[in-house]
Amino acid sequence: MRFARTGDGVAIAYQTLGRGPALVWLPSALNNLQAQWRVPALRAAYEALADHLTLTLYDGRGMGASDRRIDLTDLGVDAHVRDLEAVLDEAGLDRVSLLGYYQSVAPALAFAARRPERVARLVLFGGSARLQHAVSPAQTQALLSLVDQDWDLFADAAATAWLGWEAGESTRRLADTFRTSTTPAIAQAWFAAIRTTDVTALLPKVVAPALVLHRQADNQIPVEVAQHLADALPHGRFLRLPGTTPTLFVEDLAADLRVVTEFVTGTRLAEVPRPAELTAREQDVLRLLARGDANAEIGRRLGIAVHTVERHLSNLYRKIGARGRTDATAYALRHGLG
């Protein structure tokens, strides 16, 4: 973890890994990089992206390891643009692609409009030029109402809404990420700023090619929000991803990785072969492990004894070089076995 300092004196924690064209993944609200690395689905996504790109991640002001002693009235777009520019300058990144994710879509657009010479391409997911559109669904409003009522319940509910209970270990660890990301007061200030964020007037100045991605359930962000954003950008393109989990790199890591990486690099990825070194039974065990099932649950589902499950786990750990369940889960997700 390294630190950049913004023009208004805020310390921003960031990490850079991998090699290849530079991609900066801007933070959404409730960001905590140190905890996010313990979420198997997120760890798999970071490592997969770093196989092809120089990936930079950072905690937004007031979040994670970044400075939490901040002015709660200064959490608008200008503040987030300062954070991004400080990270780019400190990391020595002159020209990058940006991944705007939910609340960070608007700052990504604003930076691309104001500093076009520093932005090669934009990948945008889950947000809008007017961020009120992204938090208007009834499900999101119900979640946000919990922030100042029951912080722990909010973290659990938000993680479940994002990943679903079937994600098992990833959902439980994501809830811990949200819970430790910041304080309820800072979270409230972030969400209050989101409700008034609108960079629509800047869209004609965004000259970088932009890929607007959409994957949501019916009760979440309407597809028209993403389609409208793509249409409003001079070089925007809209792509609806299959599935209903409102995330990137979780429901189908391999497919999402291909879409994002090929757009950023301008080259096609080679097909990733299915791991032939694992037996069919080991792959079954690995799939259930990646869902978060305990050894006893895996045994019941497969009709085998717990000690047989343990033997399969020992064998597959050795074959894939995993140190434990988290490594094995990340491997499964990266190879389409999650």
C-alpha atoms as a PDB file:
ATOM      1  CA  MET A   1       0.000   0.000   0.000  1.00  0.00           C
ATOM      2  CA  ARG A   2       1.311   3.424  -0.973  1.00  0.00           C
ATOM      3  CA  PHE A   3      -0.041   6.904  -0.358  1.00  0.00           C
ATOM      4  CA  ALA A   4      -0.664   9.940  -2.518  1.00  0.00           C
ATOM      5  CA  ARG A   5      -1.514  13.375  -1.152  1.00  0.00           C
ATOM      6  CA  THR A   6      -4.165  15.522  -2.790  1.00  0.00           C
ATOM      7  CA  GLY A   7      -4.020  19.263  -3.333  1.00  0.00           C
ATOM      8  CA  ASP A   8      -6.228  19.759  -0.278  1.00  0.00           C
ATOM      9  CA  GLY A   9      -3.987  17.585   1.911  1.00  0.00           C
ATOM     10  CA  VAL A  10      -5.910  14.289   1.995  1.00  0.00           C
ATOM     11  CA  ALA A  11      -3.831  11.065   2.056  1.00  0.00           C
ATOM     12  CA  ILE A  12      -5.099   8.513  -0.463  1.00  0.00           C
ATOM     13  CA  ALA A  13      -4.062   4.838  -0.158  1.00  0.00           C
ATOM     14  CA  TYR A  14      -3.409   3.053  -3.446  1.00  0.00           C
ATOM     15  CA  GLN A  15      -1.902  -0.107  -4.949  1.00  0.00           C
ATOM     16  CA  THR A  16      -0.486  -0.890  -8.392  1.00  0.00           C
ATOM     17  CA  LEU A  17       0.042  -4.416  -9.714  1.00  0.00           C
ATOM     18  CA  GLY A  18       0.456  -6.278 -12.990  1.00  0.00           C
ATOM     19  CA  ARG A  19       1.868  -5.206 -16.323  1.00  0.00           C
ATOM     20  CA  GLY A  20       0.512  -3.942 -19.618  1.00  0.00           C
ATOM     21  CA  PRO A  21      -1.735  -0.971 -20.506  1.00  0.00           C
ATOM     22  CA  ALA A  22      -2.722   1.012 -17.431  1.00  0.00           C
ATOM     23  CA  LEU A  23      -6.235   0.644 -15.976  1.00  0.00           C
ATOM     24  CA  VAL A  24      -7.329   2.559 -12.873  1.00  0.00           C
ATOM     25  CA  TRP A  25     -10.344   1.113 -11.050  1.00  0.00           C
ATOM     26  CA  LEU A  26     -11.939   4.073  -9.274  1.00  0.00           C
ATOM     27  CA  PRO A  27     -13.447   3.344  -5.850  1.00  0.00           C
ATOM     28  CA  SER A  28     -17.147   3.263  -5.214  1.00  0.00           C
ATOM     29  CA  ALA A  29     -18.586   4.021  -1.792  1.00  0.00           C
ATOM     30  CA  LEU A  30     -17.664   1.620   1.044  1.00  0.00           C
ATOM     31  CA  ASN A  31     -14.225   0.850  -0.305  1.00  0.00           C
ATOM     32  CA  ASN A  32     -11.559  -0.918   1.764  1.00  0.00           C
ATOM     33  CA  LEU A  33      -8.744  -2.408  -0.308  1.00  0.00           C
ATOM     34  CA  GLN A  34      -7.103  -4.340   2.484  1.00  0.00           C
ATOM     35  CA  ALA A  35     -10.385  -6.123   3.257  1.00  0.00           C
ATOM     36  CA  GLN A  36     -11.326  -6.475  -0.414  1.00  0.00           C
ATOM     37  CA  TRP A  37      -8.282  -8.643  -1.057  1.00  0.00           C
ATOM     38  CA  ARG A  38      -9.793 -11.166   1.380  1.00  0.00           C
ATOM     39  CA  VAL A  39     -12.992 -11.441  -0.699  1.00  0.00           C
ATOM     40  CA  PRO A  40     -12.329 -14.412  -3.008  1.00  0.00           C
ATOM     41  CA  ALA A  41     -14.367 -13.025  -5.905  1.00  0.00           C
ATOM     42  CA  LEU A  42     -12.631  -9.631  -5.786  1.00  0.00           C
ATOM     43  CA  ARG A  43      -9.175 -11.102  -5.324  1.00  0.00           C
ATOM     44  CA  ALA A  44      -9.757 -13.292  -8.379  1.00  0.00           C
ATOM     45  CA  ALA A  45     -10.846 -10.255 -10.387  1.00  0.00           C
ATOM     46  CA  TYR A  46      -7.812  -8.177  -9.394  1.00  0.00           C
ATOM     47  CA  GLU A  47      -5.363 -10.964 -10.173  1.00  0.00           C
ATOM     48  CA  ALA A  48      -7.044 -11.774 -13.490  1.00  0.00           C
ATOM     49  CA  LEU A  49      -6.947  -8.135 -14.604  1.00  0.00           C
ATOM     50  CA  ALA A  50      -3.301  -7.844 -13.533  1.00  0.00           C
ATOM     51  CA  ASP A  51      -2.423 -10.748 -15.815  1.00  0.00           C
ATOM     52  CA  HIS A  52      -3.051  -8.413 -18.775  1.00  0.00           C
ATOM     53  CA  LEU A  53      -3.023  -4.858 -17.424  1.00  0.00           C
ATOM     54  CA  THR A  54      -1.215  -2.569 -15.011  1.00  0.00           C
ATOM     55  CA  LEU A  55      -4.025  -2.263 -12.485  1.00  0.00           C
ATOM     56  CA  THR A  56      -4.227   0.589  -9.988  1.00  0.00           C
ATOM     57  CA  LEU A  57      -6.707   0.446  -7.100  1.00  0.00           C
ATOM     58  CA  TYR A  58      -7.257   3.031  -4.393  1.00  0.00           C
ATOM     59  CA  ASP A  59      -9.423   3.840  -1.393  1.00  0.00           C
ATOM     60  CA  GLY A  60     -11.485   6.994  -1.746  1.00  0.00           C
ATOM     61  CA  ARG A  61     -11.190   9.770   0.800  1.00  0.00           C
ATOM     62  CA  GLY A  62     -12.697   8.738   4.087  1.00  0.00           C
ATOM     63  CA  MET A  63     -12.555   5.075   3.099  1.00  0.00           C
ATOM     64  CA  GLY A  64     -10.305   2.114   3.943  1.00  0.00           C
ATOM     65  CA  ALA A  65      -6.700   3.099   4.582  1.00  0.00           C
ATOM     66  CA  SER A  66      -7.150   6.595   3.130  1.00  0.00           C
ATOM     67  CA  ASP A  67      -7.457   9.630   5.391  1.00  0.00           C
ATOM     68  CA  ARG A  68     -10.709   9.565   7.372  1.00  0.00           C
ATOM     69  CA  ARG A  69     -10.153  12.996   8.871  1.00  0.00           C
ATOM     70  CA  ILE A  70     -11.943  14.750   6.043  1.00  0.00           C
ATOM     71  CA  ASP A  71     -14.351  17.586   5.447  1.00  0.00           C
ATOM     72  CA  LEU A  72     -17.714  15.828   5.220  1.00  0.00           C
ATOM     73  CA  THR A  73     -19.086  18.702   3.152  1.00  0.00           C
ATOM     74  CA  ASP A  74     -16.431  18.144   0.458  1.00  0.00           C
ATOM     75  CA  LEU A  75     -17.283  14.770  -1.039  1.00  0.00           C
ATOM     76  CA  GLY A  76     -18.525  15.870  -4.429  1.00  0.00           C
ATOM     77  CA  VAL A  77     -17.105  15.217  -7.878  1.00  0.00           C
ATOM     78  CA  ASP A  78     -14.324  17.802  -7.580  1.00  0.00           C
ATOM     79  CA  ALA A  79     -12.963  16.084  -4.463  1.00  0.00           C
ATOM     80  CA  HIS A  80     -12.967  12.664  -6.134  1.00  0.00           C
ATOM     81  CA  VAL A  81     -11.255  14.093  -9.220  1.00  0.00           C
ATOM     82  CA  ARG A  82      -8.529  15.474  -6.933  1.00  0.00           C
ATOM     83  CA  ASP A  83      -8.089  12.013  -5.413  1.00  0.00           C
ATOM     84  CA  LEU A  84      -7.715  10.401  -8.840  1.00  0.00           C
ATOM     85  CA  GLU A  85      -5.243  12.990 -10.106  1.00  0.00           C
ATOM     86  CA  ALA A  86      -3.125  12.669  -6.961  1.00  0.00           C
ATOM     87  CA  VAL A  87      -2.921   8.886  -7.415  1.00  0.00           C
ATOM     88  CA  LEU A  88      -1.989   9.200 -11.096  1.00  0.00           C
ATOM     89  CA  ASP A  89       0.729  11.754 -10.332  1.00  0.00           C
ATOM     90  CA  GLU A  90       2.187   9.794  -7.419  1.00  0.00           C
ATOM     91  CA  ALA A  91       2.139   6.509  -9.369  1.00  0.00           C
ATOM     92  CA  GLY A  92       3.723   8.143 -12.432  1.00  0.00           C
ATOM     93  CA  LEU A  93       0.800   7.285 -14.722  1.00  0.00           C
ATOM     94  CA  ASP A  94       0.479   9.783 -17.562  1.00  0.00           C
ATOM     95  CA  ARG A  95      -2.271   8.239 -19.697  1.00  0.00           C
ATOM     96  CA  VAL A  96      -4.652   5.553 -18.452  1.00  0.00           C
ATOM     97  CA  SER A  97      -7.961   3.862 -18.993  1.00  0.00           C
ATOM     98  CA  LEU A  98     -10.511   4.330 -16.229  1.00  0.00           C
ATOM     99  CA  LEU A  99     -13.001   1.855 -14.784  1.00  0.00           C
ATOM    100  CA  GLY A 100     -15.855   3.796 -13.222  1.00  0.00           C
ATOM    101  CA  TYR A 101     -17.956   1.605 -10.957  1.00  0.00           C
ATOM    102  CA  TYR A 102     -21.305   2.719  -9.531  1.00  0.00           C
ATOM    103  CA  GLN A 103     -20.642   5.964  -7.600  1.00  0.00           C
ATOM    104  CA  SER A 104     -17.301   6.498  -9.347  1.00  0.00           C
ATOM    105  CA  VAL A 105     -18.856   6.685 -12.847  1.00  0.00           C
ATOM    106  CA  ALA A 106     -19.450  10.426 -12.517  1.00  0.00           C
ATOM    107  CA  PRO A 107     -15.890  11.248 -11.312  1.00  0.00           C
ATOM    108  CA  ALA A 108     -14.470   9.129 -14.155  1.00  0.00           C
ATOM    109  CA  LEU A 109     -16.551  11.096 -16.665  1.00  0.00           C
ATOM    110  CA  ALA A 110     -15.596  14.428 -15.103  1.00  0.00           C
ATOM    111  CA  PHE A 111     -11.887  13.620 -15.171  1.00  0.00           C
ATOM    112  CA  ALA A 112     -12.105  12.417 -18.791  1.00  0.00           C
ATOM    113  CA  ALA A 113     -13.834  15.669 -19.788  1.00  0.00           C
ATOM    114  CA  ARG A 114     -11.402  17.932 -17.933  1.00  0.00           C
ATOM    115  CA  ARG A 115      -8.172  16.039 -18.644  1.00  0.00           C
ATOM    116  CA  PRO A 116      -8.751  14.318 -22.008  1.00  0.00           C
ATOM    117  CA  GLU A 117      -5.016  13.995 -22.651  1.00  0.00           C
ATOM    118  CA  ARG A 118      -4.716  11.629 -19.672  1.00  0.00           C
ATOM    119  CA  VAL A 119      -7.612   9.264 -20.486  1.00  0.00           C
ATOM    120  CA  ALA A 120      -7.275   6.614 -23.183  1.00  0.00           C
ATOM    121  CA  ARG A 121     -10.548   4.735 -22.657  1.00  0.00           C
ATOM    122  CA  LEU A 122     -13.455   4.502 -20.242  1.00  0.00           C
ATOM    123  CA  VAL A 123     -15.259   1.433 -18.919  1.00  0.00           C
ATOM    124  CA  LEU A 124     -18.415   2.388 -17.005  1.00  0.00           C
ATOM    125  CA  PHE A 125     -20.664   0.128 -14.946  1.00  0.00           C
ATOM    126  CA  GLY A 126     -23.614   0.681 -12.637  1.00  0.00           C
ATOM    127  CA  GLY A 127     -23.680   4.468 -12.678  1.00  0.00           C
ATOM    128  CA  SER A 128     -24.846   7.505 -14.574  1.00  0.00           C
ATOM    129  CA  ALA A 129     -23.897  11.093 -15.276  1.00  0.00           C
ATOM    130  CA  ARG A 130     -26.624  11.972 -12.780  1.00  0.00           C
ATOM    131  CA  LEU A 131     -25.919   9.618  -9.915  1.00  0.00           C
ATOM    132  CA  GLN A 132     -29.397   9.951  -8.442  1.00  0.00           C
ATOM    133  CA  HIS A 133     -30.471   7.582 -11.243  1.00  0.00           C
ATOM    134  CA  ALA A 134     -28.144   4.903  -9.884  1.00  0.00           C
ATOM    135  CA  VAL A 135     -29.487   5.062  -6.310  1.00  0.00           C
ATOM    136  CA  SER A 136     -33.164   5.587  -7.120  1.00  0.00           C
ATOM    137  CA  PRO A 137     -34.337   1.911  -7.243  1.00  0.00           C
ATOM    138  CA  ALA A 138     -36.522   1.011  -4.250  1.00  0.00           C
ATOM    139  CA  GLN A 139     -34.145  -1.762  -3.176  1.00  0.00           C
ATOM    140  CA  THR A 140     -31.224   0.689  -3.004  1.00  0.00           C
ATOM    141  CA  GLN A 141     -33.268   3.256  -1.082  1.00  0.00           C
ATOM    142  CA  ALA A 142     -34.279   0.600   1.432  1.00  0.00           C
ATOM    143  CA  LEU A 143     -30.631  -0.348   1.933  1.00  0.00           C
ATOM    144  CA  LEU A 144     -29.504   3.239   2.384  1.00  0.00           C
ATOM    145  CA  SER A 145     -32.152   3.814   5.039  1.00  0.00           C
ATOM    146  CA  LEU A 146     -30.264   1.315   7.220  1.00  0.00           C
ATOM    147  CA  VAL A 147     -26.971   3.235   7.227  1.00  0.00           C
ATOM    148  CA  ASP A 148     -27.728   5.308  10.315  1.00  0.00           C
ATOM    149  CA  GLN A 149     -30.155   2.797  11.870  1.00  0.00           C
ATOM    150  CA  ASP A 150     -28.138  -0.422  11.976  1.00  0.00           C
ATOM    151  CA  TRP A 151     -24.668  -0.342  10.409  1.00  0.00           C
ATOM    152  CA  ASP A 152     -24.038  -4.079  10.780  1.00  0.00           C
ATOM    153  CA  LEU A 153     -27.383  -4.992   9.253  1.00  0.00           C
ATOM    154  CA  PHE A 154     -26.736  -2.566   6.397  1.00  0.00           C
ATOM    155  CA  ALA A 155     -23.362  -4.206   5.641  1.00  0.00           C
ATOM    156  CA  ASP A 156     -24.893  -7.694   5.581  1.00  0.00           C
ATOM    157  CA  ALA A 157     -27.865  -6.618   3.456  1.00  0.00           C
ATOM    158  CA  ALA A 158     -25.737  -4.666   0.987  1.00  0.00           C
ATOM    159  CA  ALA A 159     -23.334  -7.567   0.472  1.00  0.00           C
ATOM    160  CA  THR A 160     -26.213  -9.978  -0.071  1.00  0.00           C
ATOM    161  CA  ALA A 161     -27.892  -7.635  -2.554  1.00  0.00           C
ATOM    162  CA  TRP A 162     -24.634  -7.304  -4.472  1.00  0.00           C
ATOM    163  CA  LEU A 163     -23.443 -10.925  -4.517  1.00  0.00           C
ATOM    164  CA  GLY A 164     -26.317 -13.055  -3.236  1.00  0.00           C
ATOM    165  CA  TRP A 165     -26.173 -15.669  -0.481  1.00  0.00           C
ATOM    166  CA  GLU A 166     -25.033 -18.320  -2.955  1.00  0.00           C
ATOM    167  CA  ALA A 167     -21.632 -16.598  -3.201  1.00  0.00           C
ATOM    168  CA  GLY A 168     -20.905 -17.972   0.275  1.00  0.00           C
ATOM    169  CA  GLU A 169     -17.513 -16.904   1.568  1.00  0.00           C
ATOM    170  CA  SER A 170     -17.306 -13.968  -0.843  1.00  0.00           C
ATOM    171  CA  THR A 171     -20.598 -12.532   0.469  1.00  0.00           C
ATOM    172  CA  ARG A 172     -19.568 -12.923   4.122  1.00  0.00           C
ATOM    173  CA  ARG A 173     -16.202 -11.279   3.547  1.00  0.00           C
ATOM    174  CA  LEU A 174     -17.748  -8.514   1.435  1.00  0.00           C
ATOM    175  CA  ALA A 175     -20.038  -7.685   4.352  1.00  0.00           C
ATOM    176  CA  ASP A 176     -16.909  -7.361   6.514  1.00  0.00           C
ATOM    177  CA  THR A 177     -15.412  -5.075   3.866  1.00  0.00           C
ATOM    178  CA  PHE A 178     -18.437  -2.778   3.951  1.00  0.00           C
ATOM    179  CA  ARG A 179     -18.550  -2.854   7.757  1.00  0.00           C
ATOM    180  CA  THR A 180     -14.897  -1.816   8.121  1.00  0.00           C
ATOM    181  CA  SER A 181     -14.718   0.543   5.155  1.00  0.00           C
ATOM    182  CA  THR A 182     -15.625   3.709   7.005  1.00  0.00           C
ATOM    183  CA  THR A 183     -17.899   5.179   9.678  1.00  0.00           C
ATOM    184  CA  PRO A 184     -21.663   5.564   9.311  1.00  0.00           C
ATOM    185  CA  ALA A 185     -21.242   9.357   9.373  1.00  0.00           C
ATOM    186  CA  ILE A 186     -18.816   9.357   6.447  1.00  0.00           C
ATOM    187  CA  ALA A 187     -21.013   6.887   4.551  1.00  0.00           C
ATOM    188  CA  GLN A 188     -24.009   9.143   5.051  1.00  0.00           C
ATOM    189  CA  ALA A 189     -22.025  12.099   3.711  1.00  0.00           C
ATOM    190  CA  TRP A 190     -20.900  10.105   0.647  1.00  0.00           C
ATOM    191  CA  PHE A 191     -24.462   9.076  -0.183  1.00  0.00           C
ATOM    192  CA  ALA A 192     -25.783  12.590   0.409  1.00  0.00           C
ATOM    193  CA  ALA A 193     -23.239  13.933  -2.096  1.00  0.00           C
ATOM    194  CA  ILE A 194     -24.218  11.255  -4.611  1.00  0.00           C
ATOM    195  CA  ARG A 195     -27.820  12.464  -4.631  1.00  0.00           C
ATOM    196  CA  THR A 196     -26.756  15.872  -5.963  1.00  0.00           C
ATOM    197  CA  THR A 197     -24.005  14.741  -8.354  1.00  0.00           C
ATOM    198  CA  ASP A 198     -24.691  15.560 -11.999  1.00  0.00           C
ATOM    199  CA  VAL A 199     -21.997  15.798 -14.703  1.00  0.00           C
ATOM    200  CA  THR A 200     -24.384  15.696 -17.661  1.00  0.00           C
ATOM    201  CA  ALA A 201     -23.085  19.035 -18.987  1.00  0.00           C
ATOM    202  CA  LEU A 202     -19.582  17.543 -19.299  1.00  0.00           C
ATOM    203  CA  LEU A 203     -20.535  14.568 -21.474  1.00  0.00           C
ATOM    204  CA  PRO A 204     -19.958  16.307 -24.858  1.00  0.00           C
ATOM    205  CA  LYS A 205     -16.353  16.950 -23.782  1.00  0.00           C
ATOM    206  CA  VAL A 206     -15.593  13.259 -23.163  1.00  0.00           C
ATOM    207  CA  VAL A 207     -13.611  12.340 -26.272  1.00  0.00           C
ATOM    208  CA  ALA A 208     -12.241   8.993 -25.080  1.00  0.00           C
ATOM    209  CA  PRO A 209     -13.951   5.827 -26.376  1.00  0.00           C
ATOM    210  CA  ALA A 210     -16.339   4.636 -23.670  1.00  0.00           C
ATOM    211  CA  LEU A 211     -17.828   1.195 -23.078  1.00  0.00           C
ATOM    212  CA  VAL A 212     -20.976   1.322 -20.934  1.00  0.00           C
ATOM    213  CA  LEU A 213     -21.762  -2.087 -19.433  1.00  0.00           C
ATOM    214  CA  HIS A 214     -25.028  -3.167 -17.822  1.00  0.00           C
ATOM    215  CA  ARG A 215     -26.021  -6.176 -15.732  1.00  0.00           C
ATOM    216  CA  GLN A 216     -28.829  -5.792 -13.226  1.00  0.00           C
ATOM    217  CA  ALA A 217     -31.891  -7.605 -11.914  1.00  0.00           C
ATOM    218  CA  ASP A 218     -35.336  -6.231 -12.747  1.00  0.00           C
ATOM    219  CA  ASN A 219     -35.671  -4.353  -9.441  1.00  0.00           C
ATOM    220  CA  GLN A 220     -32.287  -2.634  -9.755  1.00  0.00           C
ATOM    221  CA  ILE A 221     -30.923   0.050 -12.112  1.00  0.00           C
ATOM    222  CA  PRO A 222     -33.037   0.110 -15.316  1.00  0.00           C
ATOM    223  CA  VAL A 223     -31.237  -0.736 -18.539  1.00  0.00           C
ATOM    224  CA  GLU A 224     -32.402   2.588 -19.977  1.00  0.00           C
ATOM    225  CA  VAL A 225     -30.081   4.446 -17.577  1.00  0.00           C
ATOM    226  CA  ALA A 226     -26.990   2.774 -19.044  1.00  0.00           C
ATOM    227  CA  GLN A 227     -28.278   3.010 -22.611  1.00  0.00           C
ATOM    228  CA  HIS A 228     -28.938   6.745 -22.215  1.00  0.00           C
ATOM    229  CA  LEU A 229     -25.412   7.319 -20.900  1.00  0.00           C
ATOM    230  CA  ALA A 230     -23.852   5.481 -23.838  1.00  0.00           C
ATOM    231  CA  ASP A 231     -25.986   7.444 -26.311  1.00  0.00           C
ATOM    232  CA  ALA A 232     -25.011  10.762 -24.707  1.00  0.00           C
ATOM    233  CA  LEU A 233     -21.257  10.150 -25.009  1.00  0.00           C
ATOM    234  CA  PRO A 234     -19.584  11.192 -28.290  1.00  0.00           C
ATOM    235  CA  HIS A 235     -17.835   7.815 -28.584  1.00  0.00           C
ATOM    236  CA  GLY A 236     -20.004   5.683 -26.321  1.00  0.00           C
ATOM    237  CA  ARG A 237     -20.921   2.047 -26.869  1.00  0.00           C
ATOM    238  CA  PHE A 238     -23.478   0.085 -24.871  1.00  0.00           C
ATOM    239  CA  LEU A 239     -23.201  -3.610 -24.023  1.00  0.00           C
ATOM    240  CA  ARG A 240     -25.698  -5.569 -21.965  1.00  0.00           C
ATOM    241  CA  LEU A 241     -24.039  -8.467 -20.166  1.00  0.00           C
ATOM    242  CA  PRO A 242     -25.951 -11.697 -19.526  1.00  0.00           C
ATOM    243  CA  GLY A 243     -26.974 -12.457 -15.958  1.00  0.00           C
ATOM    244  CA  THR A 244     -28.620 -10.638 -13.071  1.00  0.00           C
ATOM    245  CA  THR A 245     -25.913 -10.219 -10.412  1.00  0.00           C
ATOM    246  CA  PRO A 246     -25.260  -6.435 -10.347  1.00  0.00           C
ATOM    247  CA  THR A 247     -21.483  -6.750 -10.541  1.00  0.00           C
ATOM    248  CA  LEU A 248     -18.545  -7.151 -12.850  1.00  0.00           C
ATOM    249  CA  PHE A 249     -16.133 -10.098 -12.583  1.00  0.00           C
ATOM    250  CA  VAL A 250     -18.320 -12.156 -10.240  1.00  0.00           C
ATOM    251  CA  GLU A 251     -21.140 -13.909 -12.104  1.00  0.00           C
ATOM    252  CA  ASP A 252     -18.884 -14.726 -15.070  1.00  0.00           C
ATOM    253  CA  LEU A 253     -15.300 -13.657 -14.402  1.00  0.00           C
ATOM    254  CA  ALA A 254     -13.831 -15.053 -17.612  1.00  0.00           C
ATOM    255  CA  ALA A 255     -16.404 -13.408 -19.890  1.00  0.00           C
ATOM    256  CA  ASP A 256     -16.276 -10.039 -18.104  1.00  0.00           C
ATOM    257  CA  LEU A 257     -12.488 -10.101 -18.065  1.00  0.00           C
ATOM    258  CA  ARG A 258     -12.457 -10.685 -21.809  1.00  0.00           C
ATOM    259  CA  VAL A 259     -14.852  -7.799 -22.497  1.00  0.00           C
ATOM    260  CA  VAL A 260     -12.968  -5.280 -20.354  1.00  0.00           C
ATOM    261  CA  THR A 261      -9.432  -6.345 -21.237  1.00  0.00           C
ATOM    262  CA  GLU A 262     -10.030  -6.547 -24.967  1.00  0.00           C
ATOM    263  CA  PHE A 263     -11.612  -3.085 -24.946  1.00  0.00           C
ATOM    264  CA  VAL A 264      -8.754  -1.546 -22.937  1.00  0.00           C
ATOM    265  CA  THR A 265      -5.933  -3.239 -24.863  1.00  0.00           C
ATOM    266  CA  GLY A 266      -7.526  -3.346 -28.301  1.00  0.00           C
ATOM    267  CA  THR A 267      -6.401  -6.978 -28.702  1.00  0.00           C
ATOM    268  CA  ARG A 268      -8.154 -10.333 -28.404  1.00  0.00           C
ATOM    269  CA  LEU A 269      -7.349 -12.628 -25.501  1.00  0.00           C
ATOM    270  CA  ALA A 270      -6.395 -16.227 -25.993  1.00  0.00           C
ATOM    271  CA  GLU A 271      -8.961 -18.731 -24.760  1.00  0.00           C
ATOM    272  CA  VAL A 272      -8.282 -19.870 -21.191  1.00  0.00           C
ATOM    273  CA  PRO A 273      -8.289 -23.694 -21.112  1.00  0.00           C
ATOM    274  CA  ARG A 274     -10.254 -25.537 -18.449  1.00  0.00           C
ATOM    275  CA  PRO A 275      -7.801 -26.969 -15.888  1.00  0.00           C
ATOM    276  CA  ALA A 276      -7.299 -30.476 -17.254  1.00  0.00           C
ATOM    277  CA  GLU A 277      -5.086 -31.528 -14.342  1.00  0.00           C
ATOM    278  CA  LEU A 278      -8.085 -31.773 -11.988  1.00  0.00           C
ATOM    279  CA  THR A 279     -10.243 -34.870 -12.026  1.00  0.00           C
ATOM    280  CA  ALA A 280     -13.999 -34.505 -12.513  1.00  0.00           C
ATOM    281  CA  ARG A 281     -14.590 -35.195  -8.802  1.00  0.00           C
ATOM    282  CA  GLU A 282     -11.941 -32.634  -7.769  1.00  0.00           C
ATOM    283  CA  GLN A 283     -13.652 -30.060  -9.976  1.00  0.00           C
ATOM    284  CA  ASP A 284     -16.992 -30.875  -8.292  1.00  0.00           C
ATOM    285  CA  VAL A 285     -15.406 -30.367  -4.865  1.00  0.00           C
ATOM    286  CA  LEU A 286     -13.784 -27.125  -6.002  1.00  0.00           C
ATOM    287  CA  ARG A 287     -17.081 -25.741  -7.333  1.00  0.00           C
ATOM    288  CA  LEU A 288     -18.808 -26.336  -4.019  1.00  0.00           C
ATOM    289  CA  LEU A 289     -15.870 -24.934  -2.060  1.00  0.00           C
ATOM    290  CA  ALA A 290     -16.031 -21.766  -4.188  1.00  0.00           C
ATOM    291  CA  ARG A 291     -19.719 -21.430  -3.235  1.00  0.00           C
ATOM    292  CA  GLY A 292     -18.692 -21.325   0.411  1.00  0.00           C
ATOM    293  CA  ASP A 293     -19.767 -24.837   1.415  1.00  0.00           C
ATOM    294  CA  ALA A 294     -18.020 -26.424   4.394  1.00  0.00           C
ATOM    295  CA  ASN A 295     -16.441 -29.860   4.018  1.00  0.00           C
ATOM    296  CA  ALA A 296     -19.438 -31.593   5.587  1.00  0.00           C
ATOM    297  CA  GLU A 297     -21.814 -29.800   3.200  1.00  0.00           C
ATOM    298  CA  ILE A 298     -19.662 -30.775   0.229  1.00  0.00           C
ATOM    299  CA  GLY A 299     -19.713 -34.391   1.371  1.00  0.00           C
ATOM    300  CA  ARG A 300     -23.514 -34.419   1.731  1.00  0.00           C
ATOM    301  CA  ARG A 301     -24.028 -32.851  -1.701  1.00  0.00           C
ATOM    302  CA  LEU A 302     -21.693 -35.308  -3.413  1.00  0.00           C
ATOM    303  CA  GLY A 303     -22.610 -38.350  -1.331  1.00  0.00           C
ATOM    304  CA  ILE A 304     -19.070 -38.919  -0.075  1.00  0.00           C
ATOM    305  CA  ALA A 305     -17.448 -39.020   3.357  1.00  0.00           C
ATOM    306  CA  VAL A 306     -15.860 -35.943   4.898  1.00  0.00           C
ATOM    307  CA  HIS A 307     -12.424 -37.599   4.924  1.00  0.00           C
ATOM    308  CA  THR A 308     -12.819 -38.198   1.164  1.00  0.00           C
ATOM    309  CA  VAL A 309     -13.594 -34.515   0.679  1.00  0.00           C
ATOM    310  CA  GLU A 310     -10.470 -33.655   2.662  1.00  0.00           C
ATOM    311  CA  ARG A 311      -8.392 -35.983   0.479  1.00  0.00           C
ATOM    312  CA  HIS A 312      -9.739 -34.367  -2.701  1.00  0.00           C
ATOM    313  CA  LEU A 313      -9.013 -30.917  -1.272  1.00  0.00           C
ATOM    314  CA  SER A 314      -5.461 -31.892  -0.374  1.00  0.00           C
ATOM    315  CA  ASN A 315      -4.889 -33.192  -3.888  1.00  0.00           C
ATOM    316  CA  LEU A 316      -6.380 -30.205  -5.686  1.00  0.00           C
ATOM    317  CA  TYR A 317      -4.569 -27.707  -3.425  1.00  0.00           C
ATOM    318  CA  ARG A 318      -1.304 -29.361  -4.425  1.00  0.00           C
ATOM    319  CA  LYS A 319      -2.180 -29.387  -8.131  1.00  0.00           C
ATOM    320  CA  ILE A 320      -3.200 -25.722  -8.346  1.00  0.00           C
ATOM    321  CA  GLY A 321      -0.684 -24.378  -5.828  1.00  0.00           C
ATOM    322  CA  ALA A 322      -3.323 -23.145  -3.374  1.00  0.00           C
ATOM    323  CA  ARG A 323      -2.435 -22.430   0.246  1.00  0.00           C
ATOM    324  CA  GLY A 324      -6.007 -22.784   1.444  1.00  0.00           C
ATOM    325  CA  ARG A 325      -9.674 -22.209   0.710  1.00  0.00           C
ATOM    326  CA  THR A 326      -9.289 -18.558  -0.290  1.00  0.00           C
ATOM    327  CA  ASP A 327      -6.618 -19.335  -2.893  1.00  0.00           C
ATOM    328  CA  ALA A 328      -8.644 -22.285  -4.186  1.00  0.00           C
ATOM    329  CA  THR A 329     -11.801 -20.166  -4.450  1.00  0.00           C
ATOM    330  CA  ALA A 330      -9.967 -17.473  -6.393  1.00  0.00           C
ATOM    331  CA  TYR A 331      -8.573 -20.158  -8.728  1.00  0.00           C
ATOM    332  CA  ALA A 332     -12.074 -21.577  -9.266  1.00  0.00           C
ATOM    333  CA  LEU A 333     -13.526 -18.193 -10.099  1.00  0.00           C
ATOM    334  CA  ARG A 334     -10.742 -17.386 -12.529  1.00  0.00           C
ATOM    335  CA  HIS A 335     -11.269 -20.666 -14.374  1.00  0.00           C
ATOM    336  CA  GLY A 336     -15.054 -20.599 -14.540  1.00  0.00           C
ATOM    337  CA  LEU A 337     -15.542 -23.210 -11.818  1.00  0.00           C
ATOM    338  CA  GLY A 338     -17.201 -20.915  -9.288  1.00  0.00           C
END
